[in-house]
Amino acid sequence: MAETQPYHHGNLRQTLLDAAVALIGEVGPRAFTLREVARRAGVSHNAPYRHFPSKDELLVAVAAEGFDRLTRTMEEHLAASQSAAERLALAGCGYVDFALRWPNHFLVMFDLPAGLREECKKSELGENAFRVLFDCIVGAQDSGNLPAGDPMPHALTAWSLVHGIAKLAISGNLPLDPPATLEFTHTAAMQMLQGIKGAGSRI
């Protein structure tokens, strides 16, 4: 009988999540199997079913863990903010920082099939992360750094900016190291603010 690594029953769920994230980094979110996750975790092939009845449920759990970490990382960056404009820029830095630190989670979160995205939304974790950004947009409007009106277009613009930077960075297509990537994100966010504010003043 193949030797398996010991584990504490109480953290089997996290052990399986960690093994799944590592495997996804190698084969992607579509190709991994629960059997291989179990092998990587050092448990029997039936063990994952105690917590995840299907591969899809494990993927949703990985995405939910990612959205929770994304929210916390953005909030950690906001702690250093001195103004509404800085708060928005640092929220964007937190978004990119999360992607740099947990690229496999980022991949799963935004590559789920439509049906699984709906399952993930039930946890409201994804909405919590977007709410951090949205509230920063509203704060920038209140301070005069962004034009008044519907904040959603501004929020989607800001999200598109930092998501694009994050995707380029983790795919190796942005020729910057992590500190330089965050500095670039901060600069790009401030330039976005100035551009939107300037465009609003000309309307």
C-alpha atoms as a PDB file:
ATOM      1  CA  MET A   1       0.000   0.000   0.000  1.00  0.00           C
ATOM      2  CA  ALA A   2       1.338   3.436  -0.946  1.00  0.00           C
ATOM      3  CA  GLU A   3       2.384   5.535   2.017  1.00  0.00           C
ATOM      4  CA  THR A   4       0.303   8.652   2.561  1.00  0.00           C
ATOM      5  CA  GLN A   5       1.279  11.756   4.421  1.00  0.00           C
ATOM      6  CA  PRO A   6      -0.357  12.223   7.811  1.00  0.00           C
ATOM      7  CA  TYR A   7      -2.793  15.059   8.247  1.00  0.00           C
ATOM      8  CA  HIS A   8      -5.022  16.375  10.986  1.00  0.00           C
ATOM      9  CA  HIS A   9      -8.640  15.654  10.221  1.00  0.00           C
ATOM     10  CA  GLY A  10      -9.580  19.225  11.078  1.00  0.00           C
ATOM     11  CA  ASN A  11      -7.512  20.791   8.309  1.00  0.00           C
ATOM     12  CA  LEU A  12      -8.177  18.252   5.541  1.00  0.00           C
ATOM     13  CA  ARG A  13     -10.323  20.794   3.704  1.00  0.00           C
ATOM     14  CA  GLN A  14      -7.506  23.354   3.629  1.00  0.00           C
ATOM     15  CA  THR A  15      -4.967  20.689   2.691  1.00  0.00           C
ATOM     16  CA  LEU A  16      -7.111  19.780  -0.314  1.00  0.00           C
ATOM     17  CA  LEU A  17      -7.585  23.428  -1.272  1.00  0.00           C
ATOM     18  CA  ASP A  18      -3.830  24.024  -1.163  1.00  0.00           C
ATOM     19  CA  ALA A  19      -3.166  20.908  -3.246  1.00  0.00           C
ATOM     20  CA  ALA A  20      -5.788  21.958  -5.791  1.00  0.00           C
ATOM     21  CA  VAL A  21      -4.319  25.452  -6.132  1.00  0.00           C
ATOM     22  CA  ALA A  22      -0.828  24.049  -6.719  1.00  0.00           C
ATOM     23  CA  LEU A  23      -2.121  21.569  -9.290  1.00  0.00           C
ATOM     24  CA  ILE A  24      -4.144  24.245 -11.091  1.00  0.00           C
ATOM     25  CA  GLY A  25      -0.925  26.218 -11.453  1.00  0.00           C
ATOM     26  CA  GLU A  26       0.516  23.306 -13.432  1.00  0.00           C
ATOM     27  CA  VAL A  27      -2.422  22.072 -15.536  1.00  0.00           C
ATOM     28  CA  GLY A  28      -5.008  24.853 -15.354  1.00  0.00           C
ATOM     29  CA  PRO A  29      -8.498  24.868 -13.823  1.00  0.00           C
ATOM     30  CA  ARG A  30     -10.008  22.668 -16.528  1.00  0.00           C
ATOM     31  CA  ALA A  31      -7.616  19.708 -16.508  1.00  0.00           C
ATOM     32  CA  PHE A  32      -7.106  18.908 -12.819  1.00  0.00           C
ATOM     33  CA  THR A  33      -8.863  15.942 -11.190  1.00  0.00           C
ATOM     34  CA  LEU A  34      -9.974  15.197  -7.640  1.00  0.00           C
ATOM     35  CA  ARG A  35      -7.972  11.977  -7.735  1.00  0.00           C
ATOM     36  CA  GLU A  36      -4.760  13.867  -8.474  1.00  0.00           C
ATOM     37  CA  VAL A  37      -5.606  16.446  -5.802  1.00  0.00           C
ATOM     38  CA  ALA A  38      -5.949  13.593  -3.307  1.00  0.00           C
ATOM     39  CA  ARG A  39      -2.621  12.123  -4.406  1.00  0.00           C
ATOM     40  CA  ARG A  40      -0.885  15.481  -4.016  1.00  0.00           C
ATOM     41  CA  ALA A  41      -2.463  15.914  -0.588  1.00  0.00           C
ATOM     42  CA  GLY A  42      -1.273  12.456   0.477  1.00  0.00           C
ATOM     43  CA  VAL A  43      -4.750  11.082   1.205  1.00  0.00           C
ATOM     44  CA  SER A  44      -6.957   8.396  -0.275  1.00  0.00           C
ATOM     45  CA  HIS A  45      -8.736   9.139  -3.538  1.00  0.00           C
ATOM     46  CA  ASN A  46     -12.065   9.141  -1.688  1.00  0.00           C
ATOM     47  CA  ALA A  47     -10.981  11.690   0.933  1.00  0.00           C
ATOM     48  CA  PRO A  48     -11.819  14.837  -1.102  1.00  0.00           C
ATOM     49  CA  TYR A  49     -15.469  13.815  -1.301  1.00  0.00           C
ATOM     50  CA  ARG A  50     -15.845  14.433   2.434  1.00  0.00           C
ATOM     51  CA  HIS A  51     -15.648  18.144   1.713  1.00  0.00           C
ATOM     52  CA  PHE A  52     -16.100  18.513  -2.041  1.00  0.00           C
ATOM     53  CA  PRO A  53     -18.673  16.232  -3.692  1.00  0.00           C
ATOM     54  CA  SER A  54     -17.431  17.285  -7.117  1.00  0.00           C
ATOM     55  CA  LYS A  55     -14.553  18.967  -8.913  1.00  0.00           C
ATOM     56  CA  ASP A  56     -16.810  21.950  -9.563  1.00  0.00           C
ATOM     57  CA  GLU A  57     -17.436  22.477  -5.874  1.00  0.00           C
ATOM     58  CA  LEU A  58     -13.696  22.438  -5.222  1.00  0.00           C
ATOM     59  CA  LEU A  59     -13.178  25.054  -7.943  1.00  0.00           C
ATOM     60  CA  VAL A  60     -15.848  27.273  -6.387  1.00  0.00           C
ATOM     61  CA  ALA A  61     -14.154  26.881  -2.990  1.00  0.00           C
ATOM     62  CA  VAL A  62     -10.799  27.934  -4.468  1.00  0.00           C
ATOM     63  CA  ALA A  63     -12.436  30.969  -6.083  1.00  0.00           C
ATOM     64  CA  ALA A  64     -14.218  31.893  -2.844  1.00  0.00           C
ATOM     65  CA  GLU A  65     -10.938  31.677  -0.928  1.00  0.00           C
ATOM     66  CA  GLY A  66      -9.392  33.908  -3.589  1.00  0.00           C
ATOM     67  CA  PHE A  67     -12.097  36.566  -3.363  1.00  0.00           C
ATOM     68  CA  ASP A  68     -11.741  36.609   0.419  1.00  0.00           C
ATOM     69  CA  ARG A  69      -7.979  37.154   0.100  1.00  0.00           C
ATOM     70  CA  LEU A  70      -8.533  39.790  -2.576  1.00  0.00           C
ATOM     71  CA  THR A  71     -10.817  41.805  -0.301  1.00  0.00           C
ATOM     72  CA  ARG A  72      -8.397  41.590   2.619  1.00  0.00           C
ATOM     73  CA  THR A  73      -5.393  42.534   0.467  1.00  0.00           C
ATOM     74  CA  MET A  74      -7.167  45.597  -0.924  1.00  0.00           C
ATOM     75  CA  GLU A  75      -8.206  46.660   2.570  1.00  0.00           C
ATOM     76  CA  GLU A  76      -4.630  46.213   3.828  1.00  0.00           C
ATOM     77  CA  HIS A  77      -3.347  48.559   1.122  1.00  0.00           C
ATOM     78  CA  LEU A  78      -6.038  51.118   1.932  1.00  0.00           C
ATOM     79  CA  ALA A  79      -4.679  51.453   5.463  1.00  0.00           C
ATOM     80  CA  ALA A  80      -1.862  53.642   4.141  1.00  0.00           C
ATOM     81  CA  SER A  81      -4.119  56.067   2.263  1.00  0.00           C
ATOM     82  CA  GLN A  82      -4.018  59.799   3.027  1.00  0.00           C
ATOM     83  CA  SER A  83      -6.731  61.053   0.667  1.00  0.00           C
ATOM     84  CA  ALA A  84      -9.676  59.855  -1.410  1.00  0.00           C
ATOM     85  CA  ALA A  85      -7.575  59.832  -4.572  1.00  0.00           C
ATOM     86  CA  GLU A  86      -4.802  57.895  -2.859  1.00  0.00           C
ATOM     87  CA  ARG A  87      -7.363  55.484  -1.453  1.00  0.00           C
ATOM     88  CA  LEU A  88      -8.570  54.605  -4.932  1.00  0.00           C
ATOM     89  CA  ALA A  89      -5.028  54.179  -6.264  1.00  0.00           C
ATOM     90  CA  LEU A  90      -4.079  51.947  -3.335  1.00  0.00           C
ATOM     91  CA  ALA A  91      -7.183  49.819  -3.816  1.00  0.00           C
ATOM     92  CA  GLY A  92      -5.928  49.166  -7.334  1.00  0.00           C
ATOM     93  CA  CYS A  93      -2.482  48.324  -5.989  1.00  0.00           C
ATOM     94  CA  GLY A  94      -4.092  45.855  -3.599  1.00  0.00           C
ATOM     95  CA  TYR A  95      -5.901  44.198  -6.499  1.00  0.00           C
ATOM     96  CA  VAL A  96      -2.687  43.745  -8.473  1.00  0.00           C
ATOM     97  CA  ASP A  97      -0.728  42.733  -5.369  1.00  0.00           C
ATOM     98  CA  PHE A  98      -3.246  39.951  -4.744  1.00  0.00           C
ATOM     99  CA  ALA A  99      -2.820  38.654  -8.296  1.00  0.00           C
ATOM    100  CA  LEU A 100       0.970  38.688  -7.945  1.00  0.00           C
ATOM    101  CA  ARG A 101       0.853  36.801  -4.641  1.00  0.00           C
ATOM    102  CA  TRP A 102      -1.846  34.276  -5.562  1.00  0.00           C
ATOM    103  CA  PRO A 103      -1.882  33.960  -9.373  1.00  0.00           C
ATOM    104  CA  ASN A 104      -3.521  30.528  -9.365  1.00  0.00           C
ATOM    105  CA  HIS A 105      -6.453  31.796  -7.308  1.00  0.00           C
ATOM    106  CA  PHE A 106      -6.731  34.751  -9.683  1.00  0.00           C
ATOM    107  CA  LEU A 107      -6.855  32.365 -12.640  1.00  0.00           C
ATOM    108  CA  VAL A 108      -9.668  30.309 -11.134  1.00  0.00           C
ATOM    109  CA  MET A 109     -11.692  33.330  -9.980  1.00  0.00           C
ATOM    110  CA  PHE A 110     -11.957  34.767 -13.472  1.00  0.00           C
ATOM    111  CA  ASP A 111     -11.977  31.586 -15.547  1.00  0.00           C
ATOM    112  CA  LEU A 112     -14.952  29.806 -14.020  1.00  0.00           C
ATOM    113  CA  PRO A 113     -17.717  28.605 -16.379  1.00  0.00           C
ATOM    114  CA  ALA A 114     -20.848  30.740 -16.222  1.00  0.00           C
ATOM    115  CA  GLY A 115     -22.747  28.272 -14.051  1.00  0.00           C
ATOM    116  CA  LEU A 116     -19.972  28.103 -11.471  1.00  0.00           C
ATOM    117  CA  ARG A 117     -19.651  31.892 -11.411  1.00  0.00           C
ATOM    118  CA  GLU A 118     -23.265  32.021 -10.296  1.00  0.00           C
ATOM    119  CA  GLU A 119     -22.502  29.540  -7.518  1.00  0.00           C
ATOM    120  CA  CYS A 120     -19.562  31.629  -6.400  1.00  0.00           C
ATOM    121  CA  LYS A 121     -21.714  34.771  -6.303  1.00  0.00           C
ATOM    122  CA  LYS A 122     -23.899  33.154  -3.669  1.00  0.00           C
ATOM    123  CA  SER A 123     -21.082  33.577  -1.148  1.00  0.00           C
ATOM    124  CA  GLU A 124     -21.065  37.379  -1.805  1.00  0.00           C
ATOM    125  CA  LEU A 125     -17.258  37.329  -1.510  1.00  0.00           C
ATOM    126  CA  GLY A 126     -16.834  38.599  -5.052  1.00  0.00           C
ATOM    127  CA  GLU A 127     -19.293  41.401  -4.358  1.00  0.00           C
ATOM    128  CA  ASN A 128     -17.361  42.311  -1.206  1.00  0.00           C
ATOM    129  CA  ALA A 129     -14.173  42.812  -3.224  1.00  0.00           C
ATOM    130  CA  PHE A 130     -15.939  44.954  -5.815  1.00  0.00           C
ATOM    131  CA  ARG A 131     -17.610  46.936  -3.034  1.00  0.00           C
ATOM    132  CA  VAL A 132     -14.185  48.010  -1.742  1.00  0.00           C
ATOM    133  CA  LEU A 133     -13.378  49.477  -5.156  1.00  0.00           C
ATOM    134  CA  PHE A 134     -16.860  50.927  -5.612  1.00  0.00           C
ATOM    135  CA  ASP A 135     -16.733  52.704  -2.252  1.00  0.00           C
ATOM    136  CA  CYS A 136     -13.381  54.219  -3.216  1.00  0.00           C
ATOM    137  CA  ILE A 137     -14.962  55.543  -6.417  1.00  0.00           C
ATOM    138  CA  VAL A 138     -17.802  57.140  -4.433  1.00  0.00           C
ATOM    139  CA  GLY A 139     -15.250  58.647  -2.047  1.00  0.00           C
ATOM    140  CA  ALA A 140     -13.324  60.114  -4.975  1.00  0.00           C
ATOM    141  CA  GLN A 141     -16.561  61.628  -6.293  1.00  0.00           C
ATOM    142  CA  ASP A 142     -17.399  63.112  -2.897  1.00  0.00           C
ATOM    143  CA  SER A 143     -13.936  64.702  -2.699  1.00  0.00           C
ATOM    144  CA  GLY A 144     -14.152  66.165  -6.203  1.00  0.00           C
ATOM    145  CA  ASN A 145     -11.471  63.870  -7.655  1.00  0.00           C
ATOM    146  CA  LEU A 146     -14.054  62.300  -9.956  1.00  0.00           C
ATOM    147  CA  PRO A 147     -17.132  63.843 -11.591  1.00  0.00           C
ATOM    148  CA  ALA A 148     -20.465  63.422  -9.831  1.00  0.00           C
ATOM    149  CA  GLY A 149     -23.113  61.094 -11.232  1.00  0.00           C
ATOM    150  CA  ASP A 150     -23.450  57.342 -11.601  1.00  0.00           C
ATOM    151  CA  PRO A 151     -20.315  55.814 -10.036  1.00  0.00           C
ATOM    152  CA  MET A 152     -20.637  52.483 -11.855  1.00  0.00           C
ATOM    153  CA  PRO A 153     -18.962  53.526 -15.157  1.00  0.00           C
ATOM    154  CA  HIS A 154     -15.997  54.857 -13.184  1.00  0.00           C
ATOM    155  CA  ALA A 155     -15.837  51.659 -11.132  1.00  0.00           C
ATOM    156  CA  LEU A 156     -15.846  49.492 -14.247  1.00  0.00           C
ATOM    157  CA  THR A 157     -13.141  51.653 -15.818  1.00  0.00           C
ATOM    158  CA  ALA A 158     -10.958  51.338 -12.709  1.00  0.00           C
ATOM    159  CA  TRP A 159     -11.558  47.589 -12.502  1.00  0.00           C
ATOM    160  CA  SER A 160     -10.679  47.127 -16.170  1.00  0.00           C
ATOM    161  CA  LEU A 161      -7.436  49.034 -15.650  1.00  0.00           C
ATOM    162  CA  VAL A 162      -6.146  47.046 -12.686  1.00  0.00           C
ATOM    163  CA  HIS A 163      -7.442  43.715 -13.990  1.00  0.00           C
ATOM    164  CA  GLY A 164      -5.579  44.251 -17.232  1.00  0.00           C
ATOM    165  CA  ILE A 165      -2.375  45.110 -15.397  1.00  0.00           C
ATOM    166  CA  ALA A 166      -2.789  42.038 -13.189  1.00  0.00           C
ATOM    167  CA  LYS A 167      -3.329  39.721 -16.178  1.00  0.00           C
ATOM    168  CA  LEU A 168      -0.304  41.108 -17.996  1.00  0.00           C
ATOM    169  CA  ALA A 169       1.842  40.816 -14.889  1.00  0.00           C
ATOM    170  CA  ILE A 170       1.038  37.221 -13.952  1.00  0.00           C
ATOM    171  CA  SER A 171       1.314  36.024 -17.545  1.00  0.00           C
ATOM    172  CA  GLY A 172       4.834  37.432 -17.784  1.00  0.00           C
ATOM    173  CA  ASN A 173       3.900  40.008 -20.406  1.00  0.00           C
ATOM    174  CA  LEU A 174       4.629  43.062 -18.267  1.00  0.00           C
ATOM    175  CA  PRO A 175       8.402  43.712 -18.175  1.00  0.00           C
ATOM    176  CA  LEU A 176       8.408  44.799 -14.524  1.00  0.00           C
ATOM    177  CA  ASP A 177       9.238  43.098 -11.232  1.00  0.00           C
ATOM    178  CA  PRO A 178       6.544  43.047  -8.496  1.00  0.00           C
ATOM    179  CA  PRO A 179       7.547  46.320  -6.755  1.00  0.00           C
ATOM    180  CA  ALA A 180       7.765  48.117 -10.097  1.00  0.00           C
ATOM    181  CA  THR A 181       4.418  46.631 -11.125  1.00  0.00           C
ATOM    182  CA  LEU A 182       2.745  48.079  -8.038  1.00  0.00           C
ATOM    183  CA  GLU A 183       4.395  51.453  -8.627  1.00  0.00           C
ATOM    184  CA  PHE A 184       3.172  51.376 -12.220  1.00  0.00           C
ATOM    185  CA  THR A 185      -0.333  50.481 -11.018  1.00  0.00           C
ATOM    186  CA  HIS A 186      -0.343  53.437  -8.639  1.00  0.00           C
ATOM    187  CA  THR A 187       0.807  55.824 -11.382  1.00  0.00           C
ATOM    188  CA  ALA A 188      -1.720  54.467 -13.885  1.00  0.00           C
ATOM    189  CA  ALA A 189      -4.555  54.800 -11.377  1.00  0.00           C
ATOM    190  CA  MET A 190      -3.673  58.427 -10.621  1.00  0.00           C
ATOM    191  CA  GLN A 191      -3.443  59.186 -14.335  1.00  0.00           C
ATOM    192  CA  MET A 192      -6.844  57.571 -14.840  1.00  0.00           C
ATOM    193  CA  LEU A 193      -8.286  59.807 -12.134  1.00  0.00           C
ATOM    194  CA  GLN A 194      -6.813  62.919 -13.688  1.00  0.00           C
ATOM    195  CA  GLY A 195      -8.016  61.921 -17.155  1.00  0.00           C
ATOM    196  CA  ILE A 196     -11.591  61.250 -16.052  1.00  0.00           C
ATOM    197  CA  LYS A 197     -11.700  64.435 -13.994  1.00  0.00           C
ATOM    198  CA  GLY A 198     -10.348  66.468 -16.909  1.00  0.00           C
ATOM    199  CA  ALA A 199     -12.824  64.915 -19.348  1.00  0.00           C
ATOM    200  CA  GLY A 200     -15.677  65.665 -16.954  1.00  0.00           C
ATOM    201  CA  SER A 201     -14.707  69.315 -16.701  1.00  0.00           C
ATOM    202  CA  ARG A 202     -14.908  69.690 -20.487  1.00  0.00           C
ATOM    203  CA  ILE A 203     -18.424  68.237 -20.770  1.00  0.00           C
END
